[in-house]
C-alpha atoms as a PDB file:
ATOM      1  CA  MET A   1     134.795 107.280 -20.893  1.00  0.00           C
ATOM      2  CA  GLY A   2     137.735 104.641 -21.337  1.00  0.00           C
ATOM      3  CA  GLN A   3     141.131 104.944 -19.035  1.00  0.00           C
ATOM      4  CA  LYS A   4     143.811 106.261 -19.845  1.00  0.00           C
ATOM      5  CA  VAL A   5     146.488 104.694 -21.574  1.00  0.00           C
ATOM      6  CA  ASP A   6     149.241 103.848 -19.626  1.00  0.00           C
ATOM      7  CA  THR A   7     152.427 105.028 -22.007  1.00  0.00           C
ATOM      8  CA  ARG A   8     154.616 104.675 -19.645  1.00  0.00           C
ATOM      9  CA  ALA A   9     154.070 101.118 -19.024  1.00  0.00           C
ATOM     10  CA  ILE A  10     153.979 100.155 -23.208  1.00  0.00           C
ATOM     11  CA  GLY A  11     157.497 102.350 -23.244  1.00  0.00           C
ATOM     12  CA  LEU A  12     159.063  99.354 -20.302  1.00  0.00           C
ATOM     13  CA  ASP A  13     157.288  96.780 -22.219  1.00  0.00           C
ATOM     14  CA  VAL A  14     159.070  97.379 -25.024  1.00  0.00           C
ATOM     15  CA  GLY A  15     162.207  98.789 -24.506  1.00  0.00           C
ATOM     16  CA  LEU A  16     162.568  95.480 -22.102  1.00  0.00           C
ATOM     17  CA  SER A  17     162.248  93.675 -25.369  1.00  0.00           C
ATOM     18  CA  PHE A  18     163.748  95.080 -27.472  1.00  0.00           C
ATOM     19  CA  MET A  19     167.311  95.252 -25.605  1.00  0.00           C
ATOM     20  CA  LYS A  20     166.345  91.695 -24.395  1.00  0.00           C
ATOM     21  CA  TRP A  21     166.487  90.969 -28.057  1.00  0.00           C
ATOM     22  CA  LEU A  22     169.356  93.321 -28.609  1.00  0.00           C
ATOM     23  CA  THR A  23     171.796  92.089 -25.907  1.00  0.00           C
ATOM     24  CA  GLY A  24     170.271  89.531 -24.427  1.00  0.00           C
ATOM     25  CA  ALA A  25     169.528  90.903 -21.061  1.00  0.00           C
ATOM     26  CA  GLU A  26     166.829  92.759 -19.533  1.00  0.00           C
ATOM     27  CA  ASN A  27     168.815  96.074 -19.133  1.00  0.00           C
ATOM     28  CA  LEU A  28     167.348 100.075 -18.929  1.00  0.00           C
ATOM     29  CA  HIS A  29     170.407 101.483 -17.613  1.00  0.00           C
ATOM     30  CA  TYR A  30     173.681 102.981 -18.969  1.00  0.00           C
ATOM     31  CA  GLY A  31     176.616 101.450 -20.181  1.00  0.00           C
ATOM     32  CA  LEU A  32     180.440 101.976 -19.058  1.00  0.00           C
ATOM     33  CA  TRP A  33     182.098 103.058 -22.423  1.00  0.00           C
ATOM     34  CA  ASP A  34     185.606 103.080 -21.685  1.00  0.00           C
ATOM     35  CA  GLY A  35     187.951 101.819 -24.371  1.00  0.00           C
ATOM     36  CA  LEU A  36     184.587 100.224 -26.803  1.00  0.00           C
ATOM     37  CA  ALA A  37     182.760 101.910 -29.903  1.00  0.00           C
ATOM     38  CA  CYS A  38     179.618 103.309 -28.972  1.00  0.00           C
ATOM     39  CA  THR A  39     177.531 101.413 -31.140  1.00  0.00           C
ATOM     40  CA  ALA A  40     174.594  99.128 -30.771  1.00  0.00           C
ATOM     41  CA  GLU A  41     176.611  96.007 -30.860  1.00  0.00           C
ATOM     42  CA  ASN A  42     178.956  96.780 -28.069  1.00  0.00           C
ATOM     43  CA  LEU A  43     176.259  97.938 -26.250  1.00  0.00           C
ATOM     44  CA  GLY A  44     175.775  94.175 -23.772  1.00  0.00           C
ATOM     45  CA  ALA A  45     179.513  95.081 -23.742  1.00  0.00           C
ATOM     46  CA  ALA A  46     179.472  98.470 -22.219  1.00  0.00           C
ATOM     47  CA  GLN A  47     176.800  97.393 -19.662  1.00  0.00           C
ATOM     48  CA  ALA A  48     177.948  94.209 -18.148  1.00  0.00           C
ATOM     49  CA  ALA A  49     181.065  96.667 -17.808  1.00  0.00           C
ATOM     50  CA  TYR A  50     178.718  99.124 -16.116  1.00  0.00           C
ATOM     51  CA  THR A  51     177.281  96.099 -13.539  1.00  0.00           C
ATOM     52  CA  ASP A  52     180.839  94.538 -12.678  1.00  0.00           C
ATOM     53  CA  LYS A  53     182.467  98.999 -11.835  1.00  0.00           C
ATOM     54  CA  LEU A  54     179.010  98.653  -9.658  1.00  0.00           C
ATOM     55  CA  PHE A  55     179.618  95.380  -8.092  1.00  0.00           C
ATOM     56  CA  SER A  56     183.407  96.548  -7.748  1.00  0.00           C
ATOM     57  CA  TYR A  57     181.618  98.945  -4.857  1.00  0.00           C
ATOM     58  CA  LEU A  58     180.296  96.237  -2.671  1.00  0.00           C
ATOM     59  CA  PRO A  59     181.552  95.736   0.663  1.00  0.00           C
ATOM     60  CA  GLU A  60     183.192  92.242   1.070  1.00  0.00           C
ATOM     61  CA  GLY A  61     180.538  89.243   1.583  1.00  0.00           C
ATOM     62  CA  PRO A  62     177.858  87.938   1.793  1.00  0.00           C
ATOM     63  CA  LEU A  63     175.382  90.546   2.197  1.00  0.00           C
ATOM     64  CA  ARG A  64     172.214  91.076   2.937  1.00  0.00           C
ATOM     65  CA  ILE A  65     170.818  93.946  -0.289  1.00  0.00           C
ATOM     66  CA  LEU A  66     167.348  95.584  -0.503  1.00  0.00           C
ATOM     67  CA  ASP A  67     167.759  96.632  -4.089  1.00  0.00           C
ATOM     68  CA  ILE A  68     165.493  99.700  -3.847  1.00  0.00           C
ATOM     69  CA  GLY A  69     164.111 100.843  -7.840  1.00  0.00           C
ATOM     70  CA  GLY A  70     165.552  97.381  -9.118  1.00  0.00           C
ATOM     71  CA  GLY A  71     164.441  97.688 -12.289  1.00  0.00           C
ATOM     72  CA  ALA A  72     163.400  94.572 -14.296  1.00  0.00           C
ATOM     73  CA  GLY A  73     165.558  91.786 -11.424  1.00  0.00           C
ATOM     74  CA  GLU A  74     168.879  91.670 -14.251  1.00  0.00           C
ATOM     75  CA  THR A  75     170.971  93.177 -11.030  1.00  0.00           C
ATOM     76  CA  ALA A  76     169.182  91.228  -8.598  1.00  0.00           C
ATOM     77  CA  ARG A  77     169.696  88.284 -10.737  1.00  0.00           C
ATOM     78  CA  LYS A  78     173.829  88.960 -10.789  1.00  0.00           C
ATOM     79  CA  LEU A  79     174.083  89.530  -6.411  1.00  0.00           C
ATOM     80  CA  ILE A  80     171.718  86.045  -5.893  1.00  0.00           C
ATOM     81  CA  ALA A  81     174.712  84.292  -8.340  1.00  0.00           C
ATOM     82  CA  LEU A  82     177.365  85.834  -6.188  1.00  0.00           C
ATOM     83  CA  GLY A  83     175.955  84.637  -2.953  1.00  0.00           C
ATOM     84  CA  HIS A  84     173.804  87.359  -1.650  1.00  0.00           C
ATOM     85  CA  GLU A  85     170.697  87.408  -0.460  1.00  0.00           C
ATOM     86  CA  VAL A  86     168.254  90.558  -2.125  1.00  0.00           C
ATOM     87  CA  GLU A  87     165.201  91.974  -1.801  1.00  0.00           C
ATOM     88  CA  ILE A  88     164.174  94.114  -4.026  1.00  0.00           C
ATOM     89  CA  VAL A  89     161.327  97.212  -4.121  1.00  0.00           C
ATOM     90  CA  VAL A  90     159.445  98.361  -7.274  1.00  0.00           C
ATOM     91  CA  PRO A  91     156.513 100.215  -7.415  1.00  0.00           C
ATOM     92  CA  SER A  92     155.587  99.510 -11.536  1.00  0.00           C
ATOM     93  CA  PRO A  93     153.431  96.270 -11.477  1.00  0.00           C
ATOM     94  CA  PHE A  94     154.868  95.371 -14.681  1.00  0.00           C
ATOM     95  CA  LEU A  95     158.997  95.754 -13.731  1.00  0.00           C
ATOM     96  CA  ALA A  96     157.542  93.200 -10.368  1.00  0.00           C
ATOM     97  CA  SER A  97     156.067  90.717 -12.982  1.00  0.00           C
ATOM     98  CA  ARG A  98     159.590  90.308 -14.628  1.00  0.00           C
ATOM     99  CA  CYS A  99     161.571  90.856 -11.423  1.00  0.00           C
ATOM    100  CA  ARG A 100     160.022  87.376 -10.037  1.00  0.00           C
ATOM    101  CA  GLN A 101     160.912  86.116 -13.571  1.00  0.00           C
ATOM    102  CA  ASN A 102     165.063  86.865 -14.090  1.00  0.00           C
ATOM    103  CA  ALA A 103     165.309  86.351 -10.008  1.00  0.00           C
ATOM    104  CA  PRO A 104     163.406  83.804  -8.819  1.00  0.00           C
ATOM    105  CA  GLU A 105     165.304  83.536  -5.260  1.00  0.00           C
ATOM    106  CA  ALA A 106     165.001  87.507  -4.823  1.00  0.00           C
ATOM    107  CA  ARG A 107     162.114  88.733  -2.796  1.00  0.00           C
ATOM    108  CA  VAL A 108     160.298  91.570  -4.758  1.00  0.00           C
ATOM    109  CA  HIS A 109     157.800  94.285  -2.830  1.00  0.00           C
ATOM    110  CA  GLN A 110     155.910  96.466  -5.227  1.00  0.00           C
ATOM    111  CA  CYS A 111     155.719  99.240  -3.338  1.00  0.00           C
ATOM    112  CA  PHE A 112     156.918 102.287  -3.996  1.00  0.00           C
ATOM    113  CA  PHE A 113     160.178 102.758  -1.241  1.00  0.00           C
ATOM    114  CA  GLU A 114     158.767 105.593   0.935  1.00  0.00           C
ATOM    115  CA  GLU A 115     155.804 102.995   1.911  1.00  0.00           C
ATOM    116  CA  PHE A 116     158.281  99.400   2.178  1.00  0.00           C
ATOM    117  CA  SER A 117     157.488  97.815   5.098  1.00  0.00           C
ATOM    118  CA  GLY A 118     159.764  94.940   5.186  1.00  0.00           C
ATOM    119  CA  ALA A 119     162.106  93.689   7.661  1.00  0.00           C
ATOM    120  CA  GLY A 120     165.645  96.510   8.093  1.00  0.00           C
ATOM    121  CA  GLY A 121     168.926  94.333   9.534  1.00  0.00           C
ATOM    122  CA  PHE A 122     170.315  94.760   5.660  1.00  0.00           C
ATOM    123  CA  ASP A 123     174.003  95.125   5.292  1.00  0.00           C
ATOM    124  CA  LEU A 124     173.640  97.603   2.716  1.00  0.00           C
ATOM    125  CA  CYS A 125     170.831  99.513   0.542  1.00  0.00           C
ATOM    126  CA  LEU A 126     171.448  99.494  -3.241  1.00  0.00           C
ATOM    127  CA  PHE A 127     170.258 103.136  -5.566  1.00  0.00           C
ATOM    128  CA  SER A 128     170.998 101.725  -9.273  1.00  0.00           C
ATOM    129  CA  GLU A 129     169.805 104.526 -11.186  1.00  0.00           C
ATOM    130  CA  SER A 130     166.988 105.363  -8.976  1.00  0.00           C
ATOM    131  CA  PHE A 131     168.188 107.305  -6.229  1.00  0.00           C
ATOM    132  CA  GLN A 132     167.225 110.774  -8.522  1.00  0.00           C
ATOM    133  CA  TYR A 133     163.234 109.486  -8.408  1.00  0.00           C
ATOM    134  CA  ILE A 134     163.121 109.773  -4.659  1.00  0.00           C
ATOM    135  CA  PRO A 135     164.092 112.979  -2.076  1.00  0.00           C
ATOM    136  CA  HIS A 136     167.178 112.678  -1.370  1.00  0.00           C
ATOM    137  CA  GLU A 137     166.164 113.385   1.941  1.00  0.00           C
ATOM    138  CA  LEU A 138     164.351 110.724   2.672  1.00  0.00           C
ATOM    139  CA  ALA A 139     165.941 107.954   0.345  1.00  0.00           C
ATOM    140  CA  LEU A 140     169.160 108.585   2.731  1.00  0.00           C
ATOM    141  CA  LYS A 141     166.753 108.431   6.072  1.00  0.00           C
ATOM    142  CA  GLU A 142     164.884 106.001   5.145  1.00  0.00           C
ATOM    143  CA  ALA A 143     167.895 103.451   3.845  1.00  0.00           C
ATOM    144  CA  PHE A 144     169.961 103.924   6.686  1.00  0.00           C
ATOM    145  CA  GLY A 145     167.100 102.820   8.824  1.00  0.00           C
ATOM    146  CA  LEU A 146     166.794  99.896   7.299  1.00  0.00           C
ATOM    147  CA  LEU A 147     170.225  98.434   8.030  1.00  0.00           C
ATOM    148  CA  LYS A 148     172.365  97.138   9.889  1.00  0.00           C
ATOM    149  CA  PRO A 149     174.817  99.472  12.149  1.00  0.00           C
ATOM    150  CA  SER A 150     178.216  98.727   9.878  1.00  0.00           C
ATOM    151  CA  GLY A 151     175.525  98.308   7.044  1.00  0.00           C
ATOM    152  CA  GLN A 152     176.395 101.231   3.391  1.00  0.00           C
ATOM    153  CA  VAL A 153     174.009 102.764   1.317  1.00  0.00           C
ATOM    154  CA  LEU A 154     175.835 102.251  -2.431  1.00  0.00           C
ATOM    155  CA  ILE A 155     174.574 105.115  -5.272  1.00  0.00           C
ATOM    156  CA  ALA A 156     175.059 104.936  -8.285  1.00  0.00           C
ATOM    157  CA  ASP A 157     173.111 107.814 -11.108  1.00  0.00           C
ATOM    158  CA  CYS A 158     172.714 110.929 -12.222  1.00  0.00           C
ATOM    159  CA  PHE A 159     173.476 114.823 -10.574  1.00  0.00           C
ATOM    160  CA  ARG A 160     172.744 118.031 -11.384  1.00  0.00           C
ATOM    161  CA  SER A 161     175.916 119.524 -11.303  1.00  0.00           C
ATOM    162  CA  GLU A 162     176.311 123.240 -11.047  1.00  0.00           C
ATOM    163  CA  ASN A 163     175.715 124.071 -14.438  1.00  0.00           C
ATOM    164  CA  TYR A 164     172.265 123.361 -14.142  1.00  0.00           C
ATOM    165  CA  GLU A 165     171.094 126.507 -11.694  1.00  0.00           C
ATOM    166  CA  GLY A 166     169.163 128.946 -13.938  1.00  0.00           C
ATOM    167  CA  VAL A 167     168.594 126.719 -16.961  1.00  0.00           C
ATOM    168  CA  LYS A 168     165.701 125.485 -17.947  1.00  0.00           C
ATOM    169  CA  ARG A 169     164.730 122.343 -17.733  1.00  0.00           C
ATOM    170  CA  SER A 170     164.087 121.924 -21.644  1.00  0.00           C
ATOM    171  CA  GLN A 171     167.816 122.674 -22.778  1.00  0.00           C
ATOM    172  CA  THR A 172     168.744 120.085 -20.654  1.00  0.00           C
ATOM    173  CA  VAL A 173     169.797 116.363 -20.731  1.00  0.00           C
ATOM    174  CA  GLY A 174     169.725 113.491 -18.262  1.00  0.00           C
ATOM    175  CA  GLY A 175     168.423 114.293 -14.413  1.00  0.00           C
ATOM    176  CA  GLY A 176     168.577 113.633 -11.158  1.00  0.00           C
ATOM    177  CA  HIS A 177     169.080 115.919  -8.057  1.00  0.00           C
ATOM    178  CA  ARG A 178     171.516 118.711  -6.994  1.00  0.00           C
ATOM    179  CA  LEU A 179     175.185 117.187  -6.639  1.00  0.00           C
ATOM    180  CA  ALA A 180     175.464 120.346  -3.830  1.00  0.00           C
ATOM    181  CA  ALA A 181     172.670 119.568  -2.413  1.00  0.00           C
ATOM    182  CA  MET A 182     173.350 115.936  -1.953  1.00  0.00           C
ATOM    183  CA  ARG A 183     176.343 117.470  -0.453  1.00  0.00           C
ATOM    184  CA  ARG A 184     175.033 119.609   1.849  1.00  0.00           C
ATOM    185  CA  THR A 185     173.024 116.616   3.072  1.00  0.00           C
ATOM    186  CA  VAL A 186     175.487 113.976   3.663  1.00  0.00           C
ATOM    187  CA  ALA A 187     177.898 116.318   5.599  1.00  0.00           C
ATOM    188  CA  GLU A 188     174.252 117.364   7.369  1.00  0.00           C
ATOM    189  CA  MET A 189     173.419 114.124   8.531  1.00  0.00           C
ATOM    190  CA  ASP A 190     177.002 113.698   9.867  1.00  0.00           C
ATOM    191  CA  LEU A 191     177.667 110.394   6.967  1.00  0.00           C
ATOM    192  CA  THR A 192     180.868 108.932   6.100  1.00  0.00           C
ATOM    193  CA  VAL A 193     181.913 109.142   1.666  1.00  0.00           C
ATOM    194  CA  GLU A 194     183.468 105.800   2.372  1.00  0.00           C
ATOM    195  CA  ALA A 195     184.072 105.608  -2.019  1.00  0.00           C
ATOM    196  CA  GLU A 196     183.201 107.643  -4.629  1.00  0.00           C
ATOM    197  CA  GLU A 197     184.038 108.570  -8.559  1.00  0.00           C
ATOM    198  CA  ASP A 198     182.366 110.518 -11.029  1.00  0.00           C
ATOM    199  CA  ILE A 199     182.006 108.674 -14.233  1.00  0.00           C
ATOM    200  CA  THR A 200     180.071 110.996 -16.609  1.00  0.00           C
ATOM    201  CA  GLU A 201     182.491 111.246 -19.035  1.00  0.00           C
ATOM    202  CA  ALA A 202     182.539 107.035 -18.981  1.00  0.00           C
ATOM    203  CA  VAL A 203     178.668 106.911 -19.488  1.00  0.00           C
ATOM    204  CA  ALA A 204     177.641 109.540 -21.824  1.00  0.00           C
ATOM    205  CA  PRO A 205     178.292 107.896 -24.778  1.00  0.00           C
ATOM    206  CA  SER A 206     174.682 106.167 -23.659  1.00  0.00           C
ATOM    207  CA  ILE A 207     172.820 109.049 -24.224  1.00  0.00           C
ATOM    208  CA  ASP A 208     174.154 109.867 -27.609  1.00  0.00           C
ATOM    209  CA  LEU A 209     173.102 105.680 -28.383  1.00  0.00           C
ATOM    210  CA  GLU A 210     169.979 106.495 -26.988  1.00  0.00           C
ATOM    211  CA  GLN A 211     169.200 109.224 -28.728  1.00  0.00           C
ATOM    212  CA  GLY A 212     170.374 107.303 -32.707  1.00  0.00           C
ATOM    213  CA  LEU A 213     167.436 104.962 -31.587  1.00  0.00           C
ATOM    214  CA  PHE A 214     164.869 107.815 -31.249  1.00  0.00           C
ATOM    215  CA  ASN A 215     165.715 109.233 -34.443  1.00  0.00           C
ATOM    216  CA  VAL A 216     165.544 106.202 -36.779  1.00  0.00           C
ATOM    217  CA  ILE A 217     162.071 105.295 -34.753  1.00  0.00           C
ATOM    218  CA  GLY A 218     161.240 109.166 -35.345  1.00  0.00           C
ATOM    219  CA  HIS A 219     162.843 108.771 -39.619  1.00  0.00           C
ATOM    220  CA  ALA A 220     160.047 105.225 -39.823  1.00  0.00           C
ATOM    221  CA  VAL A 221     157.280 107.348 -38.503  1.00  0.00           C
ATOM    222  CA  SER A 222     157.623 110.592 -40.434  1.00  0.00           C
ATOM    223  CA  ARG A 223     157.680 107.847 -44.169  1.00  0.00           C
ATOM    224  CA  VAL A 224     155.286 106.916 -42.746  1.00  0.00           C
ATOM    225  CA  ASP A 225     152.693 109.906 -41.853  1.00  0.00           C
ATOM    226  CA  GLU A 226     154.220 111.173 -45.524  1.00  0.00           C
ATOM    227  CA  GLU A 227     152.810 108.225 -47.696  1.00  0.00           C
ATOM    228  CA  LEU A 228     149.721 108.305 -45.244  1.00  0.00           C
ATOM    229  CA  LYS A 229     148.895 112.138 -45.690  1.00  0.00           C
ATOM    230  CA  LEU A 230     149.764 111.205 -49.818  1.00  0.00           C
ATOM    231  CA  LYS A 231     147.144 108.243 -50.403  1.00  0.00           C
ATOM    232  CA  ARG A 232     145.778 108.171 -46.961  1.00  0.00           C
ATOM    233  CA  PRO A 233     144.099 111.691 -45.975  1.00  0.00           C
ATOM    234  CA  LYS A 234     141.007 109.840 -43.678  1.00  0.00           C
ATOM    235  CA  THR A 235     143.062 107.495 -42.534  1.00  0.00           C
ATOM    236  CA  ARG A 236     145.876 109.616 -41.200  1.00  0.00           C
ATOM    237  CA  TRP A 237     142.770 111.759 -40.037  1.00  0.00           C
ATOM    238  CA  THR A 238     141.650 108.988 -37.943  1.00  0.00           C
ATOM    239  CA  LEU A 239     145.153 107.661 -36.779  1.00  0.00           C
ATOM    240  CA  ALA A 240     145.887 110.908 -35.509  1.00  0.00           C
ATOM    241  CA  PHE A 241     142.270 111.741 -33.490  1.00  0.00           C
ATOM    242  CA  ALA A 242     142.812 108.766 -31.228  1.00  0.00           C
ATOM    243  CA  ILE A 243     146.517 110.134 -30.937  1.00  0.00           C
ATOM    244  CA  ARG A 244     145.152 112.967 -29.584  1.00  0.00           C
ATOM    245  CA  ARG A 245     142.687 111.345 -28.024  1.00  0.00           C
ATOM    246  CA  MET A 246     144.544 108.992 -25.525  1.00  0.00           C
ATOM    247  CA  VAL A 247     148.119 110.881 -25.360  1.00  0.00           C
ATOM    248  CA  SER A 248     148.301 114.780 -23.199  1.00  0.00           C
ATOM    249  CA  GLU A 249     149.503 117.554 -26.014  1.00  0.00           C
ATOM    250  CA  ARG A 250     152.033 117.710 -23.481  1.00  0.00           C
ATOM    251  CA  ARG A 251     153.817 113.892 -23.920  1.00  0.00           C
ATOM    252  CA  LEU A 252     152.795 114.135 -27.757  1.00  0.00           C
ATOM    253  CA  PHE A 253     155.411 117.076 -27.738  1.00  0.00           C
ATOM    254  CA  ARG A 254     158.100 115.887 -25.453  1.00  0.00           C
ATOM    255  CA  LEU A 255     157.804 112.467 -27.939  1.00  0.00           C
ATOM    256  CA  ASN A 256     158.183 115.073 -31.240  1.00  0.00           C
ATOM    257  CA  GLU A 257     161.000 116.322 -29.202  1.00  0.00           C
ATOM    258  CA  ARG A 258     162.901 112.780 -28.390  1.00  0.00           C
ATOM    259  CA  LEU A 259     162.422 111.252 -32.135  1.00  0.00           C
ATOM    260  CA  ASN A 260     162.972 113.715 -34.265  1.00  0.00           C
ATOM    261  CA  GLU A 261     165.192 116.240 -32.461  1.00  0.00           C
ATOM    262  CA  GLN A 262     168.988 115.706 -30.972  1.00  0.00           C
ATOM    263  CA  LYS A 263     169.119 118.213 -28.196  1.00  0.00           C
ATOM    264  CA  ARG A 264     169.844 114.706 -26.037  1.00  0.00           C
ATOM    265  CA  THR A 265     173.184 114.561 -26.075  1.00  0.00           C
ATOM    266  CA  ALA A 266     176.380 113.324 -24.320  1.00  0.00           C
ATOM    267  CA  GLU A 267     177.914 116.467 -24.624  1.00  0.00           C
ATOM    268  CA  ALA A 268     175.084 117.695 -22.840  1.00  0.00           C
ATOM    269  CA  PHE A 269     175.338 115.055 -20.389  1.00  0.00           C
ATOM    270  CA  CYS A 270     178.313 116.468 -19.129  1.00  0.00           C
ATOM    271  CA  HIS A 271     178.080 119.862 -19.189  1.00  0.00           C
ATOM    272  CA  PHE A 272     174.814 119.614 -17.055  1.00  0.00           C
ATOM    273  CA  ASN A 273     175.258 116.605 -15.069  1.00  0.00           C
ATOM    274  CA  ARG A 274     177.882 113.859 -12.990  1.00  0.00           C
ATOM    275  CA  TYR A 275     177.153 110.201 -13.397  1.00  0.00           C
ATOM    276  CA  MET A 276     178.534 109.446  -8.767  1.00  0.00           C
ATOM    277  CA  ILE A 277     179.134 106.528  -7.807  1.00  0.00           C
ATOM    278  CA  LEU A 278     178.553 106.605  -3.988  1.00  0.00           C
ATOM    279  CA  ARG A 279     179.047 104.590  -1.155  1.00  0.00           C
ATOM    280  CA  LEU A 280     178.385 106.115   2.057  1.00  0.00           C
ATOM    281  CA  SER A 281     178.391 104.346   5.667  1.00  0.00           C
ATOM    282  CA  ARG A 282     177.132 106.067   9.396  1.00  0.00           C
END
């Protein structure tokens, strides 16, 4: 029996290639759209504005930074250019290879953060859109265990708002931990919020731009399917059979939603989520 197709790795590869073609950089994070029209041509500028906003929350340096979930290494590359020393933790072999290519001066650890066994003594642990993928109590405990006594944790990520309670997941957009639960954990761990900013409305247009792109792809797929149905029905049946063998029904259903529906909107994101920047210390 053949191995299962890794659709996530394929999606990352294609997504990064597309982003590099469109913007010149391998970024998959949100853009900051203050003063910018939400168009594809402005995506690179919006993502650069997001990075500038994130870096404005860095403590005074130079710093030894652990970039947790460092994507393709673009953020690490920019941090190193500013004079910081950076190590990256990323679980994906594909992303780890991109980190080594984009930020060759950084030390890359290919593992889950929960499995990280490198030396501590960091000035800063950075979670840029990676915090939501780790249980927040564990993430904070492990991060502060890797810091110098004066070290801090910087988080930029989506959180669930109070409007998420009791709502089916399929009706929402975005992800993240519940913000109320995060605040309780910060209080229970006796952490200090050194800085905080809610930038939800400024990043939300990224959702509409992404959904628009998926709808364009969905339209193209539908047109090809129509032509095959009319003129090459046997070929269409063979392709459909092969896809069903490689991809689960659940993933196909979710893919159809992404390509052909418009449930993911900036308005829904602002209702169900808050995008927060938080800098924490002991």
